[in-house]
Amino acid sequence: MLRSVTVFCGSNHGFEAIYTSAARELGALLARSGISVVYGGGSVGLMGELADSALAAGGEVIGIIPRALWEREVGHRALSKLHVVETMHARKEMMASLADGFIALPGGLGTLEEIFEIWTWAQLGIHRKPLGFLEVDGFWSPLMQFLDRSVTAGFLRPQHRAIAFVEGNAEALLQRFAAYEAPNVQKWMTKEEA
């Protein structure tokens, strides 16, 4: 059952209004669906838009922010719950533990680092939760092409590439999450297989 979703997204808006619209729509959809939003606790960029739209739609929004960022006054002060933690690692650990699934909206290095760590954990069998990318105006297409190239080059197994969903529609992504059955994690390759 999908009770909460961690959303990774930019602390900037990006140059196109469609990114802001996507963050707002996702926040409102999660709230209307009775799914709590877990995110990085920021009040700026797509992070703030996501949180504000979920709150405006009557949803629960849980923020987790490192103390250093809180002290820079980028933290959201009107959330349902806010956890101020000491490190980025503690933030990511709590975001993972509170989530039943993970979605990446457009973002930069932090967004990529967060969703890739979660994806790697799924590959290793550390968790069995669904994860996906909300495709917004082709934003993720070059990355997905690179990952497909990693498969054809022999650096990424097809079953591990297939762990992450990519959808251009948030409702369709949530439907895939609801129907998700975690794949069996294969053993590590032996020296002979490498």
C-alpha atoms as a PDB file:
ATOM      1  CA  MET A   1       0.000   0.000   0.000  1.00  0.00           C
ATOM      2  CA  LEU A   2       1.309   3.406  -0.991  1.00  0.00           C
ATOM      3  CA  ARG A   3       0.967   5.662   2.048  1.00  0.00           C
ATOM      4  CA  SER A   4       3.948   7.940   1.490  1.00  0.00           C
ATOM      5  CA  VAL A   5       6.217   8.909  -1.384  1.00  0.00           C
ATOM      6  CA  THR A   6       9.587  10.594  -1.166  1.00  0.00           C
ATOM      7  CA  VAL A   7      10.030  13.137  -3.934  1.00  0.00           C
ATOM      8  CA  PHE A   8      13.478  14.289  -5.018  1.00  0.00           C
ATOM      9  CA  CYS A   9      13.515  17.559  -6.960  1.00  0.00           C
ATOM     10  CA  GLY A  10      15.359  20.782  -7.600  1.00  0.00           C
ATOM     11  CA  SER A  11      15.858  23.609  -5.158  1.00  0.00           C
ATOM     12  CA  ASN A  12      15.633  25.843  -8.243  1.00  0.00           C
ATOM     13  CA  HIS A  13      12.643  26.299 -10.536  1.00  0.00           C
ATOM     14  CA  GLY A  14      14.511  25.737 -13.787  1.00  0.00           C
ATOM     15  CA  PHE A  15      14.018  28.014 -16.762  1.00  0.00           C
ATOM     16  CA  GLU A  16      10.762  26.513 -18.033  1.00  0.00           C
ATOM     17  CA  ALA A  17       7.409  27.058 -16.305  1.00  0.00           C
ATOM     18  CA  ILE A  18       6.429  23.466 -17.066  1.00  0.00           C
ATOM     19  CA  TYR A  19       8.800  22.234 -14.334  1.00  0.00           C
ATOM     20  CA  THR A  20       7.018  24.332 -11.707  1.00  0.00           C
ATOM     21  CA  SER A  21       3.645  23.157 -13.003  1.00  0.00           C
ATOM     22  CA  ALA A  22       4.732  19.514 -12.766  1.00  0.00           C
ATOM     23  CA  ALA A  23       5.871  19.940  -9.148  1.00  0.00           C
ATOM     24  CA  ARG A  24       2.598  21.626  -8.205  1.00  0.00           C
ATOM     25  CA  GLU A  25       0.504  18.994  -9.971  1.00  0.00           C
ATOM     26  CA  LEU A  26       2.384  16.129  -8.337  1.00  0.00           C
ATOM     27  CA  GLY A  27       2.033  17.632  -4.867  1.00  0.00           C
ATOM     28  CA  ALA A  28      -1.708  18.147  -5.325  1.00  0.00           C
ATOM     29  CA  LEU A  29      -2.187  14.666  -6.791  1.00  0.00           C
ATOM     30  CA  LEU A  30      -0.379  12.982  -3.903  1.00  0.00           C
ATOM     31  CA  ALA A  31      -2.453  14.941  -1.400  1.00  0.00           C
ATOM     32  CA  ARG A  32      -5.747  14.122  -3.159  1.00  0.00           C
ATOM     33  CA  SER A  33      -4.707  10.455  -3.246  1.00  0.00           C
ATOM     34  CA  GLY A  34      -4.117  10.404   0.517  1.00  0.00           C
ATOM     35  CA  ILE A  35      -0.379   9.875   0.034  1.00  0.00           C
ATOM     36  CA  SER A  36       1.971  11.766   2.324  1.00  0.00           C
ATOM     37  CA  VAL A  37       4.771  13.722   0.676  1.00  0.00           C
ATOM     38  CA  VAL A  38       8.253  13.193   2.091  1.00  0.00           C
ATOM     39  CA  TYR A  39      10.886  15.566   0.729  1.00  0.00           C
ATOM     40  CA  GLY A  40      13.994  17.559   1.567  1.00  0.00           C
ATOM     41  CA  GLY A  41      12.256  20.223   3.645  1.00  0.00           C
ATOM     42  CA  GLY A  42      13.080  23.230   1.499  1.00  0.00           C
ATOM     43  CA  SER A  43      10.885  26.243   0.802  1.00  0.00           C
ATOM     44  CA  VAL A  44      12.570  27.200  -2.474  1.00  0.00           C
ATOM     45  CA  GLY A  45      12.436  26.011  -6.054  1.00  0.00           C
ATOM     46  CA  LEU A  46      10.488  22.929  -7.067  1.00  0.00           C
ATOM     47  CA  MET A  47      10.808  21.683  -3.492  1.00  0.00           C
ATOM     48  CA  GLY A  48       8.766  24.584  -2.177  1.00  0.00           C
ATOM     49  CA  GLU A  49       6.223  24.328  -4.993  1.00  0.00           C
ATOM     50  CA  LEU A  50       5.708  20.621  -4.316  1.00  0.00           C
ATOM     51  CA  ALA A  51       5.211  21.174  -0.588  1.00  0.00           C
ATOM     52  CA  ASP A  52       2.947  24.201  -0.952  1.00  0.00           C
ATOM     53  CA  SER A  53       0.653  22.506  -3.457  1.00  0.00           C
ATOM     54  CA  ALA A  54       0.336  19.361  -1.334  1.00  0.00           C
ATOM     55  CA  LEU A  55      -0.430  21.430   1.761  1.00  0.00           C
ATOM     56  CA  ALA A  56      -2.970  23.555  -0.125  1.00  0.00           C
ATOM     57  CA  ALA A  57      -4.730  20.342  -1.202  1.00  0.00           C
ATOM     58  CA  GLY A  58      -4.973  19.185   2.412  1.00  0.00           C
ATOM     59  CA  GLY A  59      -2.110  16.696   2.309  1.00  0.00           C
ATOM     60  CA  GLU A  60       0.511  15.742   4.850  1.00  0.00           C
ATOM     61  CA  VAL A  61       4.011  16.977   4.019  1.00  0.00           C
ATOM     62  CA  ILE A  62       7.043  15.735   5.925  1.00  0.00           C
ATOM     63  CA  GLY A  63      10.310  17.587   5.455  1.00  0.00           C
ATOM     64  CA  ILE A  64      13.781  16.414   6.391  1.00  0.00           C
ATOM     65  CA  ILE A  65      16.483  19.055   6.232  1.00  0.00           C
ATOM     66  CA  PRO A  66      20.088  19.202   7.437  1.00  0.00           C
ATOM     67  CA  ARG A  67      20.747  21.781  10.139  1.00  0.00           C
ATOM     68  CA  ALA A  68      23.208  23.694   7.930  1.00  0.00           C
ATOM     69  CA  LEU A  69      20.507  24.304   5.321  1.00  0.00           C
ATOM     70  CA  TRP A  70      17.930  25.164   7.977  1.00  0.00           C
ATOM     71  CA  GLU A  71      20.272  27.824   9.342  1.00  0.00           C
ATOM     72  CA  ARG A  72      20.554  29.348   5.860  1.00  0.00           C
ATOM     73  CA  GLU A  73      16.778  29.921   6.101  1.00  0.00           C
ATOM     74  CA  VAL A  74      15.781  27.824   3.124  1.00  0.00           C
ATOM     75  CA  GLY A  75      13.704  25.478   5.279  1.00  0.00           C
ATOM     76  CA  HIS A  76       9.915  25.391   4.982  1.00  0.00           C
ATOM     77  CA  ARG A  77       8.269  26.634   8.164  1.00  0.00           C
ATOM     78  CA  ALA A  78       4.691  25.488   7.563  1.00  0.00           C
ATOM     79  CA  LEU A  79       4.982  21.723   7.057  1.00  0.00           C
ATOM     80  CA  SER A  80       2.936  19.009   8.726  1.00  0.00           C
ATOM     81  CA  LYS A  81       6.176  17.652  10.209  1.00  0.00           C
ATOM     82  CA  LEU A  82       9.765  18.846   9.956  1.00  0.00           C
ATOM     83  CA  HIS A  83      12.845  16.900  11.001  1.00  0.00           C
ATOM     84  CA  VAL A  84      16.090  18.843  11.317  1.00  0.00           C
ATOM     85  CA  VAL A  85      18.977  16.380  11.095  1.00  0.00           C
ATOM     86  CA  GLU A  86      22.715  16.780  11.398  1.00  0.00           C
ATOM     87  CA  THR A  87      23.962  15.455   8.055  1.00  0.00           C
ATOM     88  CA  MET A  88      22.968  14.874   4.461  1.00  0.00           C
ATOM     89  CA  HIS A  89      23.396  11.150   5.078  1.00  0.00           C
ATOM     90  CA  ALA A  90      20.935  11.260   7.973  1.00  0.00           C
ATOM     91  CA  ARG A  91      18.517  13.174   5.761  1.00  0.00           C
ATOM     92  CA  LYS A  92      18.656  10.572   2.989  1.00  0.00           C
ATOM     93  CA  GLU A  93      18.358   7.694   5.448  1.00  0.00           C
ATOM     94  CA  MET A  94      15.211   9.187   6.981  1.00  0.00           C
ATOM     95  CA  MET A  95      13.729  10.043   3.581  1.00  0.00           C
ATOM     96  CA  ALA A  96      14.230   6.418   2.549  1.00  0.00           C
ATOM     97  CA  SER A  97      12.832   4.932   5.741  1.00  0.00           C
ATOM     98  CA  LEU A  98       9.656   7.035   5.667  1.00  0.00           C
ATOM     99  CA  ALA A  99       8.805   6.274   2.023  1.00  0.00           C
ATOM    100  CA  ASP A 100       6.800   3.544   0.346  1.00  0.00           C
ATOM    101  CA  GLY A 101       8.078   4.745  -3.046  1.00  0.00           C
ATOM    102  CA  PHE A 102      10.331   7.352  -4.668  1.00  0.00           C
ATOM    103  CA  ILE A 103       9.800   9.872  -7.476  1.00  0.00           C
ATOM    104  CA  ALA A 104      12.340  12.131  -9.148  1.00  0.00           C
ATOM    105  CA  LEU A 105      11.141  15.404 -10.629  1.00  0.00           C
ATOM    106  CA  PRO A 106      13.576  17.548 -12.640  1.00  0.00           C
ATOM    107  CA  GLY A 107      16.545  18.718 -10.649  1.00  0.00           C
ATOM    108  CA  GLY A 108      20.301  18.956 -10.555  1.00  0.00           C
ATOM    109  CA  LEU A 109      23.150  17.099  -8.900  1.00  0.00           C
ATOM    110  CA  GLY A 110      21.377  16.545  -5.585  1.00  0.00           C
ATOM    111  CA  THR A 111      18.301  15.087  -7.261  1.00  0.00           C
ATOM    112  CA  LEU A 112      20.434  12.763  -9.374  1.00  0.00           C
ATOM    113  CA  GLU A 113      22.538  11.667  -6.428  1.00  0.00           C
ATOM    114  CA  GLU A 114      19.471  10.919  -4.312  1.00  0.00           C
ATOM    115  CA  ILE A 115      17.496   8.930  -6.878  1.00  0.00           C
ATOM    116  CA  PHE A 116      20.577   7.006  -8.022  1.00  0.00           C
ATOM    117  CA  GLU A 117      21.425   6.003  -4.471  1.00  0.00           C
ATOM    118  CA  ILE A 118      17.860   4.738  -3.992  1.00  0.00           C
ATOM    119  CA  TRP A 119      18.074   2.909  -7.332  1.00  0.00           C
ATOM    120  CA  THR A 120      21.378   1.324  -6.331  1.00  0.00           C
ATOM    121  CA  TRP A 121      19.877   0.222  -3.026  1.00  0.00           C
ATOM    122  CA  ALA A 122      17.040  -1.450  -4.938  1.00  0.00           C
ATOM    123  CA  GLN A 123      19.561  -3.186  -7.191  1.00  0.00           C
ATOM    124  CA  LEU A 124      21.368  -4.482  -4.113  1.00  0.00           C
ATOM    125  CA  GLY A 125      18.156  -5.599  -2.416  1.00  0.00           C
ATOM    126  CA  ILE A 126      18.436  -3.094   0.426  1.00  0.00           C
ATOM    127  CA  HIS A 127      14.827  -2.083  -0.214  1.00  0.00           C
ATOM    128  CA  ARG A 128      11.955  -3.410  -2.334  1.00  0.00           C
ATOM    129  CA  LYS A 129      10.081  -0.172  -2.968  1.00  0.00           C
ATOM    130  CA  PRO A 130       9.105   1.262  -6.367  1.00  0.00           C
ATOM    131  CA  LEU A 131      10.936   4.208  -7.844  1.00  0.00           C
ATOM    132  CA  GLY A 132      10.484   6.308 -10.916  1.00  0.00           C
ATOM    133  CA  PHE A 133      11.135   9.458 -12.856  1.00  0.00           C
ATOM    134  CA  LEU A 134       8.355  11.864 -13.773  1.00  0.00           C
ATOM    135  CA  GLU A 135       9.203  12.812 -17.342  1.00  0.00           C
ATOM    136  CA  VAL A 136       8.610  16.516 -17.894  1.00  0.00           C
ATOM    137  CA  ASP A 137       9.074  17.879 -21.397  1.00  0.00           C
ATOM    138  CA  GLY A 138      11.791  15.343 -22.251  1.00  0.00           C
ATOM    139  CA  PHE A 139      13.942  16.309 -19.267  1.00  0.00           C
ATOM    140  CA  TRP A 140      14.966  12.740 -18.406  1.00  0.00           C
ATOM    141  CA  SER A 141      15.283  11.407 -21.971  1.00  0.00           C
ATOM    142  CA  PRO A 142      19.055  11.993 -22.375  1.00  0.00           C
ATOM    143  CA  LEU A 143      19.705  10.308 -19.034  1.00  0.00           C
ATOM    144  CA  MET A 144      17.612   7.287 -19.997  1.00  0.00           C
ATOM    145  CA  GLN A 145      19.486   7.041 -23.300  1.00  0.00           C
ATOM    146  CA  PHE A 146      22.750   7.029 -21.367  1.00  0.00           C
ATOM    147  CA  LEU A 147      21.469   4.258 -19.098  1.00  0.00           C
ATOM    148  CA  ASP A 148      20.358   2.235 -22.117  1.00  0.00           C
ATOM    149  CA  ARG A 149      23.889   2.688 -23.469  1.00  0.00           C
ATOM    150  CA  SER A 150      25.222   1.406 -20.138  1.00  0.00           C
ATOM    151  CA  VAL A 151      23.176  -1.755 -20.706  1.00  0.00           C
ATOM    152  CA  THR A 152      24.424  -2.296 -24.252  1.00  0.00           C
ATOM    153  CA  ALA A 153      27.991  -1.598 -23.124  1.00  0.00           C
ATOM    154  CA  GLY A 154      27.726  -4.260 -20.415  1.00  0.00           C
ATOM    155  CA  PHE A 155      27.883  -2.041 -17.325  1.00  0.00           C
ATOM    156  CA  LEU A 156      24.241  -2.306 -16.272  1.00  0.00           C
ATOM    157  CA  ARG A 157      22.090  -5.413 -16.323  1.00  0.00           C
ATOM    158  CA  PRO A 158      18.740  -5.069 -18.111  1.00  0.00           C
ATOM    159  CA  GLN A 159      16.802  -6.191 -15.019  1.00  0.00           C
ATOM    160  CA  HIS A 160      18.473  -3.464 -12.964  1.00  0.00           C
ATOM    161  CA  ARG A 161      17.802  -0.840 -15.641  1.00  0.00           C
ATOM    162  CA  ALA A 162      14.139  -1.906 -15.569  1.00  0.00           C
ATOM    163  CA  ILE A 163      13.758  -1.245 -11.833  1.00  0.00           C
ATOM    164  CA  ALA A 164      12.996   2.445 -12.404  1.00  0.00           C
ATOM    165  CA  PHE A 165       9.807   3.514 -14.142  1.00  0.00           C
ATOM    166  CA  VAL A 166       9.639   6.555 -16.405  1.00  0.00           C
ATOM    167  CA  GLU A 167       6.243   8.139 -17.016  1.00  0.00           C
ATOM    168  CA  GLY A 168       5.124  11.473 -18.383  1.00  0.00           C
ATOM    169  CA  ASN A 169       1.933  11.340 -16.335  1.00  0.00           C
ATOM    170  CA  ALA A 170       1.984  11.364 -12.533  1.00  0.00           C
ATOM    171  CA  GLU A 171      -1.220   9.334 -12.222  1.00  0.00           C
ATOM    172  CA  ALA A 172       0.205   6.638 -14.501  1.00  0.00           C
ATOM    173  CA  LEU A 173       3.387   6.568 -12.419  1.00  0.00           C
ATOM    174  CA  LEU A 174       1.385   6.079  -9.209  1.00  0.00           C
ATOM    175  CA  GLN A 175      -0.618   3.301 -10.865  1.00  0.00           C
ATOM    176  CA  ARG A 176       2.613   1.529 -11.753  1.00  0.00           C
ATOM    177  CA  PHE A 177       3.764   1.961  -8.166  1.00  0.00           C
ATOM    178  CA  ALA A 178       0.508   0.463  -6.867  1.00  0.00           C
ATOM    179  CA  ALA A 179       0.947  -2.604  -9.094  1.00  0.00           C
ATOM    180  CA  TYR A 180       4.658  -2.960  -8.343  1.00  0.00           C
ATOM    181  CA  GLU A 181       6.158  -6.291  -7.442  1.00  0.00           C
ATOM    182  CA  ALA A 182       9.812  -6.062  -6.557  1.00  0.00           C
ATOM    183  CA  PRO A 183      12.044  -8.225  -8.737  1.00  0.00           C
ATOM    184  CA  ASN A 184      14.225 -10.906  -7.250  1.00  0.00           C
ATOM    185  CA  VAL A 185      17.686  -9.521  -6.768  1.00  0.00           C
ATOM    186  CA  GLN A 186      20.310 -11.580  -8.524  1.00  0.00           C
ATOM    187  CA  LYS A 187      23.477 -12.608  -6.782  1.00  0.00           C
ATOM    188  CA  TRP A 188      26.627 -10.643  -7.291  1.00  0.00           C
ATOM    189  CA  MET A 189      28.635 -11.656 -10.321  1.00  0.00           C
ATOM    190  CA  THR A 190      31.464 -14.062  -9.750  1.00  0.00           C
ATOM    191  CA  LYS A 191      34.928 -13.326 -11.135  1.00  0.00           C
ATOM    192  CA  GLU A 192      34.148 -15.686 -13.999  1.00  0.00           C
ATOM    193  CA  GLU A 193      30.998 -13.738 -14.929  1.00  0.00           C
ATOM    194  CA  ALA A 194      32.652 -10.319 -14.685  1.00  0.00           C
END
